Amino acid sequence: MVTIEDGVQHLEEIAELFEEYKKYIAVDVSFQPADQTETEIAHRYGGDSGRLYIAFVDGKAAGCMAFHPMKNGRDCEFKRLFTRPEFRGQHVGKALFARALADAEALGYEHAYLDTLQQLEAANVMYQKFGFQRIPAYYYNPLPGVVYYRYDFPAAAAGKKTAALRPAV
């Protein structure tokens, strides 16, 4: 069974998982903001507007995920979704992702953004199943084969529809 906990309470394990993630994707992500030390990770993803998650299966750290607010304060960015190879196929990533979506919506975000590598086929399929739509690049990324996604939270989408129905003044 997958259990999700607050990653801020498990920063040493989160830092290990982030490093495993970087090795797994085998690309240089040094152009992105630093999240190597426990302090950097807690600063970027902790606090009132972000979240950091760790998943456990039978008491063993199985995966992680995080999100942080974007500069406009209305949107967030999902980062570092990773499941250790020995736990794949046990819905760890799906559980982490569902929790992050629910929490981001509860925090009132209008949109969630993410980027991933095209070669990570299972991740791309999962993002689309959750309702994420492919979009043009939302920031500069020098890596080849990057795919960008956005999710419109239902409350934000409903607000846009309502605004469109209001008569012009």
C-alpha atoms as a PDB file:
ATOM      1  CA  MET A   1       0.000   0.000   0.000  1.00  0.00           C
ATOM      2  CA  VAL A   2       1.239   3.488  -0.894  1.00  0.00           C
ATOM      3  CA  THR A   3       1.282   6.121   1.821  1.00  0.00           C
ATOM      4  CA  ILE A   4       2.131   9.759   1.150  1.00  0.00           C
ATOM      5  CA  GLU A   5       3.772  11.954   3.779  1.00  0.00           C
ATOM      6  CA  ASP A   6       5.061  15.503   4.069  1.00  0.00           C
ATOM      7  CA  GLY A   7       8.500  15.453   2.486  1.00  0.00           C
ATOM      8  CA  VAL A   8       9.709  18.345   4.635  1.00  0.00           C
ATOM      9  CA  GLN A   9       9.770  15.837   7.508  1.00  0.00           C
ATOM     10  CA  HIS A  10      12.013  13.531   5.424  1.00  0.00           C
ATOM     11  CA  LEU A  11      14.475  15.920   3.767  1.00  0.00           C
ATOM     12  CA  GLU A  12      17.434  13.538   3.781  1.00  0.00           C
ATOM     13  CA  GLU A  13      15.439  10.881   1.932  1.00  0.00           C
ATOM     14  CA  ILE A  14      13.969  13.505  -0.427  1.00  0.00           C
ATOM     15  CA  ALA A  15      17.458  14.760  -1.305  1.00  0.00           C
ATOM     16  CA  GLU A  16      18.473  11.174  -2.128  1.00  0.00           C
ATOM     17  CA  LEU A  17      15.378  10.683  -4.285  1.00  0.00           C
ATOM     18  CA  PHE A  18      16.021  13.971  -6.142  1.00  0.00           C
ATOM     19  CA  GLU A  19      19.563  12.807  -6.929  1.00  0.00           C
ATOM     20  CA  GLU A  20      18.276   9.421  -8.127  1.00  0.00           C
ATOM     21  CA  TYR A  21      15.758  11.249 -10.321  1.00  0.00           C
ATOM     22  CA  LYS A  22      18.500  13.361 -11.916  1.00  0.00           C
ATOM     23  CA  LYS A  23      20.594  10.253 -12.598  1.00  0.00           C
ATOM     24  CA  TYR A  24      17.573   8.432 -14.012  1.00  0.00           C
ATOM     25  CA  ILE A  25      16.698  11.125 -16.547  1.00  0.00           C
ATOM     26  CA  ALA A  26      20.402  11.376 -17.467  1.00  0.00           C
ATOM     27  CA  VAL A  27      20.326  15.031 -18.547  1.00  0.00           C
ATOM     28  CA  ASP A  28      21.953  18.125 -17.115  1.00  0.00           C
ATOM     29  CA  VAL A  29      19.357  20.148 -15.216  1.00  0.00           C
ATOM     30  CA  SER A  30      21.854  22.630 -13.765  1.00  0.00           C
ATOM     31  CA  PHE A  31      20.094  25.477 -15.631  1.00  0.00           C
ATOM     32  CA  GLN A  32      17.144  25.073 -13.243  1.00  0.00           C
ATOM     33  CA  PRO A  33      17.085  26.556  -9.736  1.00  0.00           C
ATOM     34  CA  ALA A  34      19.151  24.576  -7.253  1.00  0.00           C
ATOM     35  CA  ASP A  35      17.435  21.887  -5.231  1.00  0.00           C
ATOM     36  CA  GLN A  36      20.388  19.774  -4.176  1.00  0.00           C
ATOM     37  CA  THR A  37      20.720  20.431  -0.471  1.00  0.00           C
ATOM     38  CA  GLU A  38      18.068  19.832   2.130  1.00  0.00           C
ATOM     39  CA  THR A  39      17.922  23.582   2.801  1.00  0.00           C
ATOM     40  CA  GLU A  40      17.416  24.416  -0.890  1.00  0.00           C
ATOM     41  CA  ILE A  41      14.710  21.774  -1.230  1.00  0.00           C
ATOM     42  CA  ALA A  42      12.822  22.947   1.861  1.00  0.00           C
ATOM     43  CA  HIS A  43      13.062  26.590   0.765  1.00  0.00           C
ATOM     44  CA  ARG A  44      11.834  25.971  -2.776  1.00  0.00           C
ATOM     45  CA  TYR A  45       8.999  23.534  -2.074  1.00  0.00           C
ATOM     46  CA  GLY A  46       8.133  24.013   1.590  1.00  0.00           C
ATOM     47  CA  GLY A  47       6.096  26.785   3.123  1.00  0.00           C
ATOM     48  CA  ASP A  48       2.494  27.762   2.705  1.00  0.00           C
ATOM     49  CA  SER A  49       2.381  27.855  -1.111  1.00  0.00           C
ATOM     50  CA  GLY A  50       4.324  24.744  -2.077  1.00  0.00           C
ATOM     51  CA  ARG A  51       4.337  21.096  -1.191  1.00  0.00           C
ATOM     52  CA  LEU A  52       6.895  18.342  -0.966  1.00  0.00           C
ATOM     53  CA  TYR A  53       5.796  14.715  -0.853  1.00  0.00           C
ATOM     54  CA  ILE A  54       7.426  11.401  -0.195  1.00  0.00           C
ATOM     55  CA  ALA A  55       5.714   8.088  -0.897  1.00  0.00           C
ATOM     56  CA  PHE A  56       6.343   4.957   1.117  1.00  0.00           C
ATOM     57  CA  VAL A  57       5.547   1.354   0.262  1.00  0.00           C
ATOM     58  CA  ASP A  58       5.831  -1.050   3.181  1.00  0.00           C
ATOM     59  CA  GLY A  59       7.859   1.526   5.093  1.00  0.00           C
ATOM     60  CA  LYS A  60      10.399   2.062   2.319  1.00  0.00           C
ATOM     61  CA  ALA A  61      10.844   5.368   0.493  1.00  0.00           C
ATOM     62  CA  ALA A  62       9.416   4.680  -2.961  1.00  0.00           C
ATOM     63  CA  GLY A  63       9.070   8.063  -4.667  1.00  0.00           C
ATOM     64  CA  CYS A  64       8.685  11.798  -4.434  1.00  0.00           C
ATOM     65  CA  MET A  65       7.061  14.841  -5.979  1.00  0.00           C
ATOM     66  CA  ALA A  66       6.878  18.558  -5.298  1.00  0.00           C
ATOM     67  CA  PHE A  67       5.295  21.778  -6.456  1.00  0.00           C
ATOM     68  CA  HIS A  68       6.058  25.431  -5.942  1.00  0.00           C
ATOM     69  CA  PRO A  69       4.265  28.676  -6.767  1.00  0.00           C
ATOM     70  CA  MET A  70       5.119  30.437  -9.997  1.00  0.00           C
ATOM     71  CA  LYS A  71       5.972  34.137 -10.059  1.00  0.00           C
ATOM     72  CA  ASN A  72       2.403  35.282 -10.765  1.00  0.00           C
ATOM     73  CA  GLY A  73       1.173  33.637  -7.552  1.00  0.00           C
ATOM     74  CA  ARG A  74      -1.886  32.169  -9.298  1.00  0.00           C
ATOM     75  CA  ASP A  75      -0.173  29.159 -10.837  1.00  0.00           C
ATOM     76  CA  CYS A  76       2.137  26.417  -9.625  1.00  0.00           C
ATOM     77  CA  GLU A  77       4.711  24.174 -11.210  1.00  0.00           C
ATOM     78  CA  PHE A  78       4.957  20.444 -10.558  1.00  0.00           C
ATOM     79  CA  LYS A  79       8.492  19.087 -10.272  1.00  0.00           C
ATOM     80  CA  ARG A  80      10.537  15.995  -9.520  1.00  0.00           C
ATOM     81  CA  LEU A  81       7.946  13.251  -9.855  1.00  0.00           C
ATOM     82  CA  PHE A  82      10.006  10.111  -9.436  1.00  0.00           C
ATOM     83  CA  THR A  83       9.371   6.496  -8.503  1.00  0.00           C
ATOM     84  CA  ARG A  84      12.256   4.187  -7.697  1.00  0.00           C
ATOM     85  CA  PRO A  85      12.467   1.368 -10.271  1.00  0.00           C
ATOM     86  CA  GLU A  86      11.652  -1.403  -7.780  1.00  0.00           C
ATOM     87  CA  PHE A  87       8.336   0.298  -6.962  1.00  0.00           C
ATOM     88  CA  ARG A  88       7.141   0.989 -10.495  1.00  0.00           C
ATOM     89  CA  GLY A  89       3.838  -0.603 -11.421  1.00  0.00           C
ATOM     90  CA  GLN A  90       2.502  -0.092  -7.882  1.00  0.00           C
ATOM     91  CA  HIS A  91       0.785   3.257  -8.660  1.00  0.00           C
ATOM     92  CA  VAL A  92       3.230   5.310  -6.596  1.00  0.00           C
ATOM     93  CA  GLY A  93       3.465   8.062  -9.207  1.00  0.00           C
ATOM     94  CA  LYS A  94      -0.297   8.147  -9.647  1.00  0.00           C
ATOM     95  CA  ALA A  95      -0.839   8.493  -5.890  1.00  0.00           C
ATOM     96  CA  LEU A  96       1.723  11.291  -5.612  1.00  0.00           C
ATOM     97  CA  PHE A  97       0.285  13.102  -8.615  1.00  0.00           C
ATOM     98  CA  ALA A  98      -3.315  12.846  -7.423  1.00  0.00           C
ATOM     99  CA  ARG A  99      -2.336  14.198  -4.003  1.00  0.00           C
ATOM    100  CA  ALA A 100      -0.420  17.118  -5.542  1.00  0.00           C
ATOM    101  CA  LEU A 101      -3.354  18.011  -7.812  1.00  0.00           C
ATOM    102  CA  ALA A 102      -5.813  17.946  -4.920  1.00  0.00           C
ATOM    103  CA  ASP A 103      -3.574  20.048  -2.687  1.00  0.00           C
ATOM    104  CA  ALA A 104      -2.775  22.591  -5.428  1.00  0.00           C
ATOM    105  CA  GLU A 105      -6.490  23.006  -6.110  1.00  0.00           C
ATOM    106  CA  ALA A 106      -7.214  23.383  -2.383  1.00  0.00           C
ATOM    107  CA  LEU A 107      -4.585  26.135  -2.239  1.00  0.00           C
ATOM    108  CA  GLY A 108      -6.528  27.994  -4.927  1.00  0.00           C
ATOM    109  CA  TYR A 109      -4.126  27.729  -7.834  1.00  0.00           C
ATOM    110  CA  GLU A 110      -5.639  28.411 -11.254  1.00  0.00           C
ATOM    111  CA  HIS A 111      -3.222  26.300 -13.303  1.00  0.00           C
ATOM    112  CA  ALA A 112      -0.517  23.719 -12.784  1.00  0.00           C
ATOM    113  CA  TYR A 113       2.390  23.589 -15.216  1.00  0.00           C
ATOM    114  CA  LEU A 114       5.021  20.951 -15.751  1.00  0.00           C
ATOM    115  CA  ASP A 115       7.615  19.853 -18.216  1.00  0.00           C
ATOM    116  CA  THR A 116       8.938  16.401 -18.897  1.00  0.00           C
ATOM    117  CA  LEU A 117      11.017  14.539 -21.425  1.00  0.00           C
ATOM    118  CA  GLN A 118       9.275  13.027 -24.406  1.00  0.00           C
ATOM    119  CA  GLN A 119      11.118   9.749 -23.771  1.00  0.00           C
ATOM    120  CA  LEU A 120       9.325   9.330 -20.414  1.00  0.00           C
ATOM    121  CA  GLU A 121       6.323   7.763 -22.114  1.00  0.00           C
ATOM    122  CA  ALA A 122       4.511   6.473 -19.022  1.00  0.00           C
ATOM    123  CA  ALA A 123       4.704   9.916 -17.400  1.00  0.00           C
ATOM    124  CA  ASN A 124       3.356  11.626 -20.522  1.00  0.00           C
ATOM    125  CA  VAL A 125       0.431   9.198 -20.704  1.00  0.00           C
ATOM    126  CA  MET A 126      -0.366   9.696 -17.019  1.00  0.00           C
ATOM    127  CA  TYR A 127      -0.289  13.501 -17.281  1.00  0.00           C
ATOM    128  CA  GLN A 128      -2.735  13.396 -20.172  1.00  0.00           C
ATOM    129  CA  LYS A 129      -5.025  10.970 -18.309  1.00  0.00           C
ATOM    130  CA  PHE A 130      -5.158  13.463 -15.446  1.00  0.00           C
ATOM    131  CA  GLY A 131      -6.303  16.150 -17.887  1.00  0.00           C
ATOM    132  CA  PHE A 132      -3.071  18.012 -18.594  1.00  0.00           C
ATOM    133  CA  GLN A 133      -2.888  19.558 -22.061  1.00  0.00           C
ATOM    134  CA  ARG A 134       0.253  19.964 -24.133  1.00  0.00           C
ATOM    135  CA  ILE A 135       1.260  23.595 -24.548  1.00  0.00           C
ATOM    136  CA  PRO A 136       4.140  25.592 -26.045  1.00  0.00           C
ATOM    137  CA  ALA A 137       7.203  26.115 -23.836  1.00  0.00           C
ATOM    138  CA  TYR A 138       6.443  28.307 -20.832  1.00  0.00           C
ATOM    139  CA  TYR A 139      10.107  28.899 -19.984  1.00  0.00           C
ATOM    140  CA  TYR A 140      13.513  28.496 -21.584  1.00  0.00           C
ATOM    141  CA  ASN A 141      14.785  24.952 -21.453  1.00  0.00           C
ATOM    142  CA  PRO A 142      17.888  24.069 -23.501  1.00  0.00           C
ATOM    143  CA  LEU A 143      17.221  20.332 -23.469  1.00  0.00           C
ATOM    144  CA  PRO A 144      15.997  18.521 -26.582  1.00  0.00           C
ATOM    145  CA  GLY A 145      12.766  16.521 -26.480  1.00  0.00           C
ATOM    146  CA  VAL A 146      11.046  18.496 -23.721  1.00  0.00           C
ATOM    147  CA  VAL A 147       7.234  18.429 -23.568  1.00  0.00           C
ATOM    148  CA  TYR A 148       5.254  21.088 -21.680  1.00  0.00           C
ATOM    149  CA  TYR A 149       1.854  20.701 -20.061  1.00  0.00           C
ATOM    150  CA  ARG A 150      -0.767  22.811 -18.292  1.00  0.00           C
ATOM    151  CA  TYR A 151      -3.743  21.832 -16.176  1.00  0.00           C
ATOM    152  CA  ASP A 152      -6.672  24.192 -15.677  1.00  0.00           C
ATOM    153  CA  PHE A 153      -8.235  23.651 -12.271  1.00  0.00           C
ATOM    154  CA  PRO A 154     -12.023  23.387 -12.544  1.00  0.00           C
ATOM    155  CA  ALA A 155     -12.708  26.491 -10.415  1.00  0.00           C
ATOM    156  CA  ALA A 156     -10.437  28.574 -12.656  1.00  0.00           C
ATOM    157  CA  ALA A 157     -12.049  27.185 -15.805  1.00  0.00           C
ATOM    158  CA  ALA A 158     -15.541  27.828 -14.395  1.00  0.00           C
ATOM    159  CA  GLY A 159     -14.543  31.397 -13.549  1.00  0.00           C
ATOM    160  CA  LYS A 160     -13.437  31.974 -17.127  1.00  0.00           C
ATOM    161  CA  LYS A 161     -16.728  30.624 -18.467  1.00  0.00           C
ATOM    162  CA  THR A 162     -18.700  32.777 -16.041  1.00  0.00           C
ATOM    163  CA  ALA A 163     -16.691  35.853 -17.006  1.00  0.00           C
ATOM    164  CA  ALA A 164     -17.333  35.135 -20.670  1.00  0.00           C
ATOM    165  CA  LEU A 165     -21.090  35.040 -20.029  1.00  0.00           C
ATOM    166  CA  ARG A 166     -21.232  38.396 -18.234  1.00  0.00           C
ATOM    167  CA  PRO A 167     -22.511  41.288 -20.328  1.00  0.00           C
ATOM    168  CA  ALA A 168     -19.997  43.977 -21.215  1.00  0.00           C
ATOM    169  CA  VAL A 169     -20.364  47.191 -19.255  1.00  0.00           C
END
